[in-house]
Amino acid sequence: MTAVNNLRKLHAKMRTAFTNMANALDAGNRLRADTIDISLIDPQREAFTSEVARAVAHNQADMDHTLADLTAAAGTSRWAILIGEPLGLILVAGCGLVFRFYRRRLDAATRVEMDHLLRDAMTDALTGLGNHRDFQETFALELSAARAEGAPLSLALVDLDEFKSINDRHGHKHGDRVLAAVGALLGSSYGEDQAFRLGGDEFALLLPGTTVAQAVAAMERRQSDSTWRLFGATLSIGIAAGVDAEELREEADAALYEAKRRGRNQMVTFQEIQATTAIMSSSKIRAVRRLLAEDALSIAFQPIWDLERSTVLAVEALARPDPRLGLEGPAEAFAIAEKLGRAYELDALCHRAILARAPELPTGALLFINVIPQSLEQDADMASNFARAVEAAGLRPERVVIEITERAVSRLDMVVRAATALRAAGFRIALDDVGSGNAGLEMLRRLPVDFVKVDQSVVSGAATETAARSVLAAIIAFAREAGVFVIAEGIETEEMLAFVRNVGIAATPTRGAIQGGQGFLLGRPSVVLGDAHTGLLALSA
């Protein structure tokens, strides 16, 4: 009875661990899921197996002891044996049969329980598909088989389009129904295809012995069926083929990213994009996932000077990934996060870290915070959500300037609406990196901004290059008409500072055309906010 109770306790612990691992995968926290798998599930499975083995050994010992007792009794009572030998043989045989019967029942019950636990450990409860752990193990086996047989193996990665919007509009119960429908659709039998739910709205299919063209045909059938099976939801699909685990996963990831970039209900193969796509190393991908899981970043602050008053106007908050992750900087981290579809998540992490340090902000100084276009596009209520977060940090929205980069703004209408809402909520808006691309003047025309930050390439080139000088003149002319405060970025030498100030003086006798400046000469980024406004001391000269 003690052994049975121990088994029940271990079973309960394992079920709890499986539930926690599934919740972590649903939340996209694969690092926590792997930690639960390694630190809880594997040891408990070993303990369960050991307990079963001990129970079997104990029963075997009891059986052996009983048999020995019977044999001894038979040896001391020869006359009884001679008289009742047939009866004794029948009794011994009957006992053996009974013991073997109960041992078979125990072994069968143990196998059933172990199979049940294994299915729990490998199955996604909502969809009935294999889970992330099952995918990893099956993926490794199929790759080995493909290499041994010289056969192709295709991998299709699938994302449910705009799943967050589905949950927001219809509720999580409806979202679960859609996910279950996706599981049923992807799990439909097409040869030897195997479907898995990796977590959240991410799914994968392994297609053994299948070329890319055959995989596309198989996925087209599913994509066609999705129009009536998924309650109006659609799927984005990325497909790749190969026999190297890391390369195959990265190529399928890249194809999926391109499919989502093109819009809803798209399917892309890596073959289509390989000429223009650089594959990320698996170590970099793991580094970004670890950055997101562990909040592994720090915040530095760089001063922005009011050149006319020789005072610090603001500080810009700059996120820095932990150097131990091996990432080259925030630009690489965001580039990889964007390809993984997690740039919005990384941006939100940076904002939380910045606002946590809001109490250190110098009195009267503004706080410039960068916001990527994806955040403006994906969060329909960003203005109100961000206002609440800022006020919870002890700031008023009027002290926060939202920086929107000129680069990579593909959906300008949505960005303009979001920026307008932010401004209505009390925030100020800055257009960053102006002059670095072709969208600057168009964005200035349509975007309600308070500050324009001129890209370093324009500032440094304007002193010697006619084209850069023309771009700078156009930006200044627009800003003067609109009453926008102009900040020159990347001021690193005394000569650049002198040029910027002289441009301002020459432009108008009453107010400089370039009113603000930022750069290493005026103050390097510092993790200590109090050091952020110790820059060039000769601004008043």
Protein backbone atom coordinates (compact mmCIF):
# COMPACT_ATOMS: atom_id res chain seq x y z
CA MET A 1 0.00 0.00 0.00
CA THR A 2 2.90 2.34 0.76
CA ALA A 3 4.31 1.81 -2.74
CA VAL A 4 0.92 2.64 -4.31
CA ASN A 5 0.67 5.85 -2.26
CA ASN A 6 4.20 6.85 -3.25
CA LEU A 7 3.35 6.27 -6.92
CA ARG A 8 0.20 8.39 -6.61
CA LYS A 9 2.14 11.25 -5.01
CA LEU A 10 4.82 11.16 -7.71
CA HIS A 11 2.12 11.01 -10.38
CA ALA A 12 0.46 14.14 -8.94
CA LYS A 13 3.78 16.00 -8.84
CA MET A 14 4.50 15.11 -12.46
CA ARG A 15 1.06 16.25 -13.60
CA THR A 16 1.62 19.60 -11.86
CA ALA A 17 5.04 19.96 -13.51
CA PHE A 18 3.55 19.12 -16.95
CA THR A 19 0.83 21.75 -16.42
CA ASN A 20 3.42 24.40 -15.46
CA MET A 21 5.56 23.51 -18.47
CA ALA A 22 2.54 23.79 -20.80
CA ASN A 23 1.64 27.19 -19.29
CA ALA A 24 5.21 28.39 -19.82
CA LEU A 25 5.10 27.28 -23.46
CA ASP A 26 1.73 28.98 -23.96
CA ALA A 27 3.26 32.19 -22.59
CA GLY A 28 6.18 31.87 -25.02
CA ASN A 29 8.66 31.32 -22.15
CA ARG A 30 10.58 28.40 -23.61
CA LEU A 31 13.51 28.87 -21.23
CA ARG A 32 11.22 28.32 -18.20
CA ALA A 33 9.61 25.34 -19.92
CA ASP A 34 13.02 23.74 -20.54
CA THR A 35 14.01 24.47 -16.93
CA ILE A 36 10.86 22.75 -15.61
CA ASP A 37 11.51 19.83 -17.95
CA ILE A 38 15.09 19.37 -16.78
CA SER A 39 14.79 20.23 -13.09
CA LEU A 40 11.36 18.75 -12.25
CA ILE A 41 9.93 16.38 -14.83
CA ASP A 42 13.02 14.30 -15.57
CA PRO A 43 13.94 13.70 -11.86
CA GLN A 44 10.32 12.86 -11.00
CA ARG A 45 10.06 10.46 -13.91
CA GLU A 46 13.24 8.72 -12.70
CA ALA A 47 11.81 8.60 -9.16
CA PHE A 48 8.56 7.14 -10.48
CA THR A 49 10.43 4.46 -12.43
CA SER A 50 12.59 3.65 -9.39
CA GLU A 51 9.51 3.36 -7.15
CA VAL A 52 7.87 0.96 -9.60
CA ALA A 53 11.06 -1.09 -9.76
CA ARG A 54 11.21 -1.23 -5.97
CA ALA A 55 7.58 -2.39 -5.80
CA VAL A 56 8.21 -5.13 -8.35
CA ALA A 57 11.38 -6.22 -6.52
CA HIS A 58 9.50 -6.27 -3.20
CA ASN A 59 6.70 -8.42 -4.61
CA GLN A 60 9.24 -10.75 -6.18
CA ALA A 61 11.00 -11.13 -2.82
CA ASP A 62 7.67 -11.95 -1.15
CA MET A 63 6.96 -14.54 -3.78
CA ASP A 64 10.39 -16.11 -3.44
CA HIS A 65 10.06 -16.18 0.36
CA THR A 66 6.64 -17.82 0.21
CA LEU A 67 7.89 -20.40 -2.25
CA ALA A 68 10.87 -21.13 0.02
CA ASP A 69 8.54 -21.60 2.98
CA LEU A 70 6.44 -24.04 1.02
CA THR A 71 9.52 -25.95 -0.08
CA ALA A 72 10.83 -26.16 3.52
CA ALA A 73 7.51 -27.34 4.77
CA ALA A 74 7.48 -30.02 2.14
CA GLY A 75 10.99 -31.16 3.11
CA THR A 76 10.18 -31.61 6.82
CA SER A 77 7.03 -33.52 6.18
CA ARG A 78 8.12 -36.33 3.86
CA TRP A 79 5.48 -38.68 5.02
CA ALA A 80 2.82 -36.08 4.18
CA ILE A 81 4.42 -35.57 0.82
CA LEU A 82 4.42 -39.31 0.15
CA ILE A 83 0.78 -39.47 1.09
CA GLY A 84 -0.34 -36.19 -0.50
CA GLU A 85 2.31 -35.67 -3.20
CA PRO A 86 -0.21 -35.04 -5.94
CA LEU A 87 -2.08 -32.55 -3.77
CA GLY A 88 1.16 -30.79 -2.80
CA LEU A 89 2.28 -30.47 -6.39
CA ILE A 90 -1.05 -29.00 -7.31
CA LEU A 91 -0.85 -26.56 -4.39
CA VAL A 92 2.68 -25.40 -5.29
CA ALA A 93 1.76 -25.03 -8.93
CA GLY A 94 -1.38 -23.15 -7.98
CA CYS A 95 0.58 -20.74 -5.77
CA GLY A 96 3.04 -20.14 -8.57
CA LEU A 97 0.23 -19.41 -10.95
CA VAL A 98 -1.35 -16.99 -8.50
CA PHE A 99 1.92 -15.17 -7.95
CA ARG A 100 2.63 -14.99 -11.69
CA PHE A 101 -0.90 -13.72 -12.29
CA TYR A 102 -0.55 -10.88 -9.80
CA ARG A 103 2.93 -10.05 -11.04
CA ARG A 104 1.64 -9.78 -14.61
CA ARG A 105 -1.17 -7.52 -13.39
CA LEU A 106 1.31 -5.28 -11.56
CA ASP A 107 3.61 -5.13 -14.57
CA ALA A 108 0.68 -4.33 -16.87
CA ALA A 109 -0.62 -1.61 -14.53
CA THR A 110 2.87 -0.13 -14.33
CA ARG A 111 3.20 -0.08 -18.10
CA VAL A 112 -0.21 1.54 -18.50
CA GLU A 113 0.64 4.23 -15.93
CA MET A 114 4.03 4.91 -17.52
CA ASP A 115 2.45 5.13 -20.98
CA HIS A 116 -0.17 7.52 -19.61
CA LEU A 117 2.49 9.74 -18.03
CA LEU A 118 4.55 9.67 -21.21
CA ARG A 119 1.53 10.76 -23.25
CA ASP A 120 0.87 13.58 -20.78
CA ALA A 121 4.48 14.71 -21.03
CA MET A 122 4.42 14.74 -24.83
CA THR A 123 0.90 16.02 -25.60
CA ASP A 124 -0.54 19.52 -25.73
CA ALA A 125 -3.71 19.41 -23.63
CA LEU A 126 -5.69 21.93 -25.70
CA THR A 127 -5.09 20.62 -29.22
CA GLY A 128 -4.12 17.00 -28.65
CA LEU A 129 -1.02 17.51 -30.80
CA GLY A 130 2.51 16.74 -29.75
CA ASN A 131 3.98 19.50 -27.61
CA HIS A 132 7.33 21.30 -27.82
CA ARG A 133 9.19 18.48 -26.08
CA ASP A 134 7.66 15.89 -28.42
CA PHE A 135 8.63 18.06 -31.39
CA GLN A 136 12.25 18.26 -30.28
CA GLU A 137 12.57 14.52 -29.82
CA THR A 138 10.70 13.62 -33.01
CA PHE A 139 12.63 16.25 -34.98
CA ALA A 140 15.94 14.69 -33.90
CA LEU A 141 14.74 11.18 -34.82
CA GLU A 142 13.41 12.23 -38.23
CA LEU A 143 16.62 14.11 -39.04
CA SER A 144 18.69 11.02 -38.19
CA ALA A 145 16.45 8.88 -40.38
CA ALA A 146 16.61 11.37 -43.25
CA ARG A 147 20.42 11.45 -43.12
CA ALA A 148 20.67 7.67 -42.94
CA GLU A 149 18.27 7.09 -45.83
CA GLY A 150 19.34 10.07 -47.95
CA ALA A 151 15.70 11.19 -48.00
CA PRO A 152 14.39 14.77 -47.80
CA LEU A 153 12.76 16.17 -44.66
CA SER A 154 10.60 19.29 -44.83
CA LEU A 155 9.64 21.49 -41.89
CA ALA A 156 6.65 23.84 -41.95
CA LEU A 157 6.31 26.46 -39.22
CA VAL A 158 2.82 27.90 -38.82
CA ASP A 159 1.57 31.01 -37.01
CA LEU A 160 -2.05 31.99 -36.44
CA ASP A 161 -2.48 35.49 -37.91
CA GLU A 162 -3.28 38.30 -35.45
CA PHE A 163 -4.08 35.92 -32.60
CA LYS A 164 -3.81 38.72 -30.03
CA SER A 165 -6.56 40.61 -31.85
CA ILE A 166 -8.72 37.48 -31.91
CA ASN A 167 -8.40 37.17 -28.12
CA ASP A 168 -8.97 40.89 -27.59
CA ARG A 169 -12.10 40.99 -29.76
CA HIS A 170 -13.76 37.69 -28.88
CA GLY A 171 -12.23 36.57 -25.58
CA HIS A 172 -9.85 33.81 -24.57
CA LYS A 173 -12.45 31.04 -24.76
CA HIS A 174 -12.98 31.76 -28.44
CA GLY A 175 -9.21 31.98 -28.85
CA ASP A 176 -8.90 28.49 -27.36
CA ARG A 177 -11.55 27.20 -29.79
CA VAL A 178 -9.58 28.63 -32.69
CA LEU A 179 -6.35 27.04 -31.43
CA ALA A 180 -8.11 23.69 -31.05
CA ALA A 181 -9.44 24.03 -34.61
CA VAL A 182 -5.91 24.77 -35.86
CA GLY A 183 -4.72 21.63 -34.09
CA ALA A 184 -7.45 19.56 -35.76
CA LEU A 185 -6.64 21.08 -39.16
CA LEU A 186 -2.89 20.59 -38.94
CA GLY A 187 -3.26 17.14 -37.41
CA SER A 188 -5.35 15.95 -40.37
CA SER A 189 -3.72 12.88 -41.85
CA TYR A 190 -1.65 13.56 -44.95
CA GLY A 191 0.71 10.62 -45.26
CA GLU A 192 3.37 10.56 -42.53
CA ASP A 193 3.08 14.25 -41.62
CA GLN A 194 3.31 14.97 -37.88
CA ALA A 195 1.92 18.15 -36.32
CA PHE A 196 2.97 19.81 -33.06
CA ARG A 197 1.99 22.85 -31.02
CA LEU A 198 5.19 24.62 -29.97
CA GLY A 199 3.42 27.08 -27.67
CA GLY A 200 0.97 29.99 -27.91
CA ASP A 201 -0.14 30.28 -31.54
CA GLU A 202 3.02 28.63 -32.93
CA PHE A 203 2.74 25.24 -34.63
CA ALA A 204 5.09 22.99 -36.59
CA LEU A 205 4.73 20.12 -39.05
CA LEU A 206 7.37 17.56 -39.93
CA LEU A 207 6.95 16.08 -43.40
CA PRO A 208 9.33 13.08 -43.77
CA GLY A 209 10.37 12.03 -47.27
CA THR A 210 8.86 15.22 -48.66
CA THR A 211 10.43 17.78 -50.98
CA VAL A 212 9.70 21.49 -50.69
CA ALA A 213 7.27 21.31 -53.62
CA GLN A 214 5.41 18.38 -52.02
CA ALA A 215 5.35 20.20 -48.68
CA VAL A 216 3.86 23.27 -50.35
CA ALA A 217 1.12 21.13 -51.89
CA ALA A 218 0.33 19.52 -48.52
CA MET A 219 0.18 22.90 -46.77
CA GLU A 220 -1.90 24.46 -49.54
CA ARG A 221 -4.60 21.87 -48.86
CA ARG A 222 -4.61 22.79 -45.19
CA GLN A 223 -4.50 26.51 -45.93
CA SER A 224 -7.45 26.13 -48.29
CA ASP A 225 -9.44 24.27 -45.63
CA SER A 226 -8.61 26.94 -43.04
CA THR A 227 -11.06 29.39 -44.60
CA TRP A 228 -14.04 27.41 -43.26
CA ARG A 229 -12.53 25.49 -40.35
CA LEU A 230 -10.91 28.29 -38.32
CA PHE A 231 -13.88 30.64 -37.72
CA GLY A 232 -12.45 33.16 -40.19
CA ALA A 233 -8.87 33.04 -38.87
CA THR A 234 -5.95 32.54 -41.26
CA LEU A 235 -2.47 31.00 -41.14
CA SER A 236 1.00 32.19 -42.13
CA ILE A 237 3.36 29.38 -43.15
CA GLY A 238 7.13 29.13 -43.66
CA ILE A 239 8.63 26.02 -45.28
CA ALA A 240 12.20 24.73 -45.58
CA ALA A 241 13.87 21.38 -46.25
CA GLY A 242 17.21 19.92 -45.15
CA VAL A 243 18.95 17.53 -42.76
CA ASP A 244 20.76 19.93 -40.38
CA ALA A 245 18.65 20.77 -37.31
CA GLU A 246 19.80 24.36 -36.71
CA GLU A 247 19.83 25.37 -40.37
CA LEU A 248 16.45 23.82 -41.07
CA ARG A 249 14.81 25.55 -38.11
CA GLU A 250 16.39 28.92 -38.93
CA GLU A 251 15.43 28.68 -42.61
CA ALA A 252 11.83 27.82 -41.75
CA ASP A 253 11.82 30.72 -39.23
CA ALA A 254 13.08 33.11 -41.92
CA ALA A 255 10.43 31.91 -44.37
CA LEU A 256 7.69 32.31 -41.74
CA TYR A 257 8.89 35.82 -40.91
CA GLU A 258 8.71 36.78 -44.58
CA ALA A 259 5.22 35.25 -44.86
CA LYS A 260 4.00 37.35 -41.91
CA ARG A 261 5.68 40.44 -43.33
CA ARG A 262 3.72 40.04 -46.55
CA GLY A 263 0.41 40.04 -44.69
CA ARG A 264 -2.28 37.53 -43.72
CA ASN A 265 -2.72 34.00 -45.07
CA GLN A 266 0.65 33.82 -46.84
CA MET A 267 2.98 30.88 -47.47
CA VAL A 268 6.69 31.32 -48.25
CA THR A 269 9.48 28.80 -48.83
CA PHE A 270 13.08 29.50 -47.92
CA GLN A 271 14.04 28.79 -51.53
CA GLU A 272 12.13 31.93 -52.55
CA ILE A 273 14.08 34.24 -50.24
CA GLN A 274 17.46 32.58 -49.72
CA ALA A 275 19.24 34.94 -52.16
CA THR A 276 18.31 37.97 -50.04
CA THR A 277 18.13 36.48 -46.54
CA ALA A 278 20.97 36.17 -44.03
CA ILE A 279 20.37 33.31 -41.63
CA MET A 280 20.86 34.10 -37.96
CA SER A 281 23.11 31.82 -35.97
CA SER A 282 21.38 29.63 -33.42
CA SER A 283 23.56 31.13 -30.67
CA LYS A 284 22.24 34.62 -31.48
CA ILE A 285 18.66 33.37 -31.49
CA ARG A 286 19.19 31.73 -28.10
CA ALA A 287 20.77 34.95 -26.84
CA VAL A 288 17.69 37.01 -27.76
CA ARG A 289 15.35 34.44 -26.26
CA ARG A 290 17.40 34.50 -23.08
CA LEU A 291 17.37 38.32 -23.10
CA LEU A 292 13.56 38.25 -23.20
CA ALA A 293 13.21 35.49 -20.62
CA GLU A 294 15.63 37.00 -18.09
CA ASP A 295 15.14 40.76 -18.71
CA ALA A 296 18.88 40.77 -19.37
CA LEU A 297 19.43 44.40 -20.27
CA SER A 298 20.54 47.66 -18.71
CA ILE A 299 19.57 51.27 -19.41
CA ALA A 300 21.99 54.07 -20.25
CA PHE A 301 21.13 57.76 -20.54
CA GLN A 302 22.60 60.33 -22.93
CA PRO A 303 22.03 64.09 -22.52
CA ILE A 304 20.37 66.29 -25.12
CA TRP A 305 21.47 69.92 -24.83
CA ASP A 306 19.60 73.14 -25.51
CA LEU A 307 22.41 74.86 -27.42
CA GLU A 308 20.87 78.32 -27.14
CA ARG A 309 20.59 78.19 -23.34
CA SER A 310 23.61 75.91 -22.70
CA THR A 311 21.47 73.67 -20.47
CA VAL A 312 20.44 70.04 -20.52
CA LEU A 313 17.04 69.83 -22.17
CA ALA A 314 16.51 66.08 -21.81
CA VAL A 315 18.07 62.65 -21.53
CA GLU A 316 17.53 59.87 -24.03
CA ALA A 317 17.12 56.37 -22.57
CA LEU A 318 19.10 53.72 -24.44
CA ALA A 319 18.66 49.97 -23.82
CA ARG A 320 21.80 47.81 -23.75
CA PRO A 321 21.67 43.97 -23.81
CA ASP A 322 23.79 42.19 -21.22
CA PRO A 323 27.29 41.81 -22.77
CA ARG A 324 27.42 38.19 -21.59
CA LEU A 325 24.75 37.33 -24.16
CA GLY A 326 27.19 37.91 -27.02
CA LEU A 327 24.96 40.35 -28.92
CA GLU A 328 26.65 43.25 -30.66
CA GLY A 329 24.17 45.80 -29.37
CA PRO A 330 20.51 46.83 -29.29
CA ALA A 331 20.29 47.09 -33.09
CA GLU A 332 21.23 43.43 -33.52
CA ALA A 333 18.94 42.38 -30.67
CA PHE A 334 15.97 44.17 -32.27
CA ALA A 335 16.81 42.84 -35.76
CA ILE A 336 16.79 39.25 -34.48
CA ALA A 337 13.70 39.81 -32.32
CA GLU A 338 11.90 41.21 -35.36
CA LYS A 339 12.72 38.09 -37.39
CA LEU A 340 11.45 35.97 -34.52
CA GLY A 341 8.25 38.01 -34.39
CA ARG A 342 9.12 39.28 -30.90
CA ALA A 343 10.26 42.86 -31.51
CA TYR A 344 7.12 44.23 -29.85
CA GLU A 345 7.86 42.11 -26.78
CA LEU A 346 11.46 43.38 -26.63
CA ASP A 347 10.29 46.99 -27.00
CA ALA A 348 7.87 46.56 -24.10
CA LEU A 349 10.68 45.08 -21.98
CA CYS A 350 12.87 48.12 -22.70
CA HIS A 351 10.06 50.50 -21.74
CA ARG A 352 9.49 48.75 -18.42
CA ALA A 353 13.21 48.91 -17.61
CA ILE A 354 13.37 52.62 -18.52
CA LEU A 355 10.34 53.61 -16.48
CA ALA A 356 11.68 51.69 -13.48
CA ARG A 357 14.44 54.31 -13.35
CA ALA A 358 12.15 57.32 -13.78
CA PRO A 359 12.66 58.51 -10.16
CA GLU A 360 16.32 59.22 -11.03
CA LEU A 361 15.40 61.68 -13.79
CA PRO A 362 17.03 65.12 -13.32
CA THR A 363 14.60 67.80 -12.20
CA GLY A 364 12.93 69.50 -15.15
CA ALA A 365 14.57 67.30 -17.79
CA LEU A 366 12.50 65.57 -20.45
CA LEU A 367 12.80 61.82 -21.03
CA PHE A 368 13.18 60.66 -24.65
CA ILE A 369 12.03 57.03 -25.19
CA ASN A 370 12.39 55.16 -28.48
CA VAL A 371 9.34 53.27 -29.71
CA ILE A 372 9.60 50.90 -32.67
CA PRO A 373 6.94 51.13 -35.41
CA GLN A 374 5.69 47.60 -34.59
CA SER A 375 4.61 48.79 -31.15
CA LEU A 376 2.62 51.62 -32.68
CA GLU A 377 1.07 49.22 -35.19
CA GLN A 378 0.22 46.34 -32.84
CA ASP A 379 -1.02 48.10 -29.70
CA ALA A 380 -4.31 49.79 -30.55
CA ASP A 381 -4.53 51.30 -27.05
CA MET A 382 -0.88 52.26 -26.72
CA ALA A 383 -1.60 55.89 -25.80
CA SER A 384 -3.75 55.04 -22.78
CA ASN A 385 -1.66 52.00 -21.78
CA PHE A 386 1.59 53.95 -21.96
CA ALA A 387 0.09 56.92 -20.11
CA ARG A 388 -0.89 54.63 -17.23
CA ALA A 389 2.60 53.09 -17.13
CA VAL A 390 4.29 56.51 -17.15
CA GLU A 391 2.07 57.88 -14.39
CA ALA A 392 2.63 54.72 -12.32
CA ALA A 393 6.35 55.49 -12.60
CA GLY A 394 5.78 58.95 -11.11
CA LEU A 395 5.97 61.00 -14.33
CA ARG A 396 3.49 63.07 -16.25
CA PRO A 397 3.13 62.30 -19.99
CA GLU A 398 4.19 65.91 -20.73
CA ARG A 399 7.72 65.04 -19.56
CA VAL A 400 8.04 62.09 -21.95
CA VAL A 401 9.00 62.40 -25.60
CA ILE A 402 8.21 59.41 -27.82
CA GLU A 403 10.88 58.93 -30.50
CA ILE A 404 9.74 57.38 -33.78
CA THR A 405 12.44 56.52 -36.29
CA GLU A 406 12.22 57.51 -39.93
CA ARG A 407 13.62 54.08 -40.82
CA ALA A 408 11.45 51.06 -41.56
CA VAL A 409 8.03 52.69 -41.24
CA SER A 410 6.00 50.57 -43.65
CA ARG A 411 2.48 51.40 -42.42
CA LEU A 412 2.58 55.17 -42.13
CA ASP A 413 -1.19 55.66 -41.79
CA MET A 414 -1.33 53.51 -38.65
CA VAL A 415 1.78 55.12 -37.19
CA VAL A 416 0.32 58.58 -37.77
CA ARG A 417 -2.90 57.58 -35.97
CA ALA A 418 -0.96 56.14 -33.04
CA ALA A 419 1.30 59.20 -32.78
CA THR A 420 -1.71 61.50 -32.89
CA ALA A 421 -3.33 59.56 -30.04
CA LEU A 422 -0.09 59.72 -28.01
CA ARG A 423 0.10 63.45 -28.51
CA ALA A 424 -3.55 63.83 -27.44
CA ALA A 425 -2.67 61.89 -24.26
CA GLY A 426 -0.07 64.52 -23.39
CA PHE A 427 3.11 62.98 -24.81
CA ARG A 428 5.45 64.87 -27.09
CA ILE A 429 6.63 63.31 -30.34
CA ALA A 430 10.10 63.31 -31.89
CA LEU A 431 10.97 62.06 -35.36
CA ASP A 432 14.37 60.33 -35.14
CA ASP A 433 17.10 59.69 -37.75
CA VAL A 434 15.63 62.27 -40.14
CA GLY A 435 17.58 62.35 -43.39
CA SER A 436 18.80 58.77 -43.15
CA GLY A 437 16.17 57.54 -45.62
CA ASN A 438 13.64 58.77 -48.13
CA ALA A 439 10.59 59.07 -45.90
CA GLY A 440 11.69 61.99 -43.72
CA LEU A 441 9.88 64.91 -45.36
CA GLU A 442 6.75 62.86 -46.04
CA MET A 443 6.62 61.82 -42.40
CA LEU A 444 7.24 65.41 -41.27
CA ARG A 445 4.34 66.51 -43.45
CA ARG A 446 1.93 63.96 -41.97
CA LEU A 447 3.23 63.26 -38.47
CA PRO A 448 2.45 65.72 -35.63
CA VAL A 449 5.91 66.21 -34.11
CA ASP A 450 7.47 68.50 -31.51
CA PHE A 451 11.11 67.60 -32.15
CA VAL A 452 13.14 66.64 -35.22
CA LYS A 453 16.41 64.77 -34.68
CA VAL A 454 18.67 65.14 -37.71
CA ASP A 455 20.68 62.00 -38.47
CA GLN A 456 24.43 62.13 -37.82
CA SER A 457 25.22 61.35 -41.47
CA VAL A 458 23.43 64.54 -42.54
CA VAL A 459 25.00 66.68 -39.80
CA SER A 460 28.55 65.49 -40.47
CA GLY A 461 28.17 65.60 -44.27
CA ALA A 462 26.57 69.05 -44.45
CA ALA A 463 29.86 70.79 -43.70
CA THR A 464 31.48 69.53 -46.91
CA GLU A 465 28.81 67.96 -49.15
CA THR A 466 26.26 69.89 -51.19
CA ALA A 467 23.66 67.08 -51.13
CA ALA A 468 23.80 66.72 -47.34
CA ARG A 469 23.66 70.51 -46.96
CA SER A 470 20.52 70.59 -49.14
CA VAL A 471 18.85 67.91 -47.04
CA LEU A 472 19.69 69.79 -43.85
CA ALA A 473 18.37 73.05 -45.32
CA ALA A 474 15.07 71.36 -46.28
CA ILE A 475 14.64 69.91 -42.78
CA ILE A 476 15.42 73.25 -41.16
CA ALA A 477 13.04 75.12 -43.46
CA PHE A 478 10.18 72.77 -42.67
CA ALA A 479 10.88 72.84 -38.95
CA ARG A 480 10.99 76.63 -38.89
CA GLU A 481 7.59 76.85 -40.60
CA ALA A 482 6.06 74.24 -38.28
CA GLY A 483 7.66 75.59 -35.10
CA VAL A 484 9.48 72.30 -34.46
CA PHE A 485 12.57 72.07 -32.23
CA VAL A 486 15.56 70.74 -34.25
CA ILE A 487 18.24 68.56 -32.61
CA ALA A 488 21.50 67.64 -34.34
CA GLU A 489 22.62 64.07 -33.57
CA GLY A 490 26.15 62.66 -33.47
CA ILE A 491 28.11 65.77 -32.47
CA GLU A 492 31.53 64.30 -31.75
CA THR A 493 34.05 67.08 -32.46
CA GLU A 494 34.49 70.79 -31.70
CA GLU A 495 34.28 71.47 -35.44
CA MET A 496 30.87 69.75 -35.75
CA LEU A 497 29.57 71.71 -32.77
CA ALA A 498 30.82 74.99 -34.25
CA PHE A 499 29.21 74.18 -37.60
CA VAL A 500 25.86 73.34 -35.98
CA ARG A 501 25.85 76.52 -33.94
CA ASN A 502 26.87 78.68 -36.91
CA VAL A 503 24.09 77.17 -39.05
CA GLY A 504 21.68 78.20 -36.35
CA ILE A 505 23.02 81.73 -36.06
CA ALA A 506 23.09 82.23 -39.83
CA ALA A 507 19.58 80.97 -40.36
CA THR A 508 17.68 83.62 -38.43
CA PRO A 509 18.70 86.60 -36.31
CA THR A 510 16.13 85.79 -33.61
CA ARG A 511 16.34 82.03 -33.21
CA GLY A 512 18.83 79.39 -34.24
CA ALA A 513 17.74 76.91 -36.91
CA ILE A 514 19.29 74.06 -34.90
CA GLN A 515 18.38 74.51 -31.27
CA GLY A 516 19.55 71.24 -29.73
CA GLY A 517 22.50 68.91 -29.87
CA GLN A 518 23.42 65.37 -28.85
CA GLY A 519 26.60 63.34 -29.23
CA PHE A 520 29.73 62.06 -27.54
CA LEU A 521 31.24 65.56 -27.34
CA LEU A 522 28.24 66.71 -25.31
CA GLY A 523 27.96 63.62 -23.14
CA ARG A 524 28.37 59.89 -23.59
CA PRO A 525 25.64 57.42 -22.59
CA SER A 526 25.96 56.51 -18.92
CA VAL A 527 24.18 53.94 -16.77
CA VAL A 528 24.41 56.46 -13.93
CA LEU A 529 21.73 59.02 -14.71
CA GLY A 530 23.41 61.69 -12.62
CA ASP A 531 26.42 61.54 -14.95
CA ALA A 532 24.33 61.97 -18.09
CA HIS A 533 24.40 65.77 -18.02
CA THR A 534 28.17 66.17 -17.66
CA GLY A 535 29.16 67.00 -21.21
CA LEU A 536 31.07 69.77 -22.93
CA LEU A 537 31.67 72.67 -20.57
CA ALA A 538 32.33 75.20 -23.32
CA LEU A 539 28.74 75.49 -24.58
CA SER A 540 28.48 79.03 -23.26
CA ALA A 541 31.55 80.15 -25.19
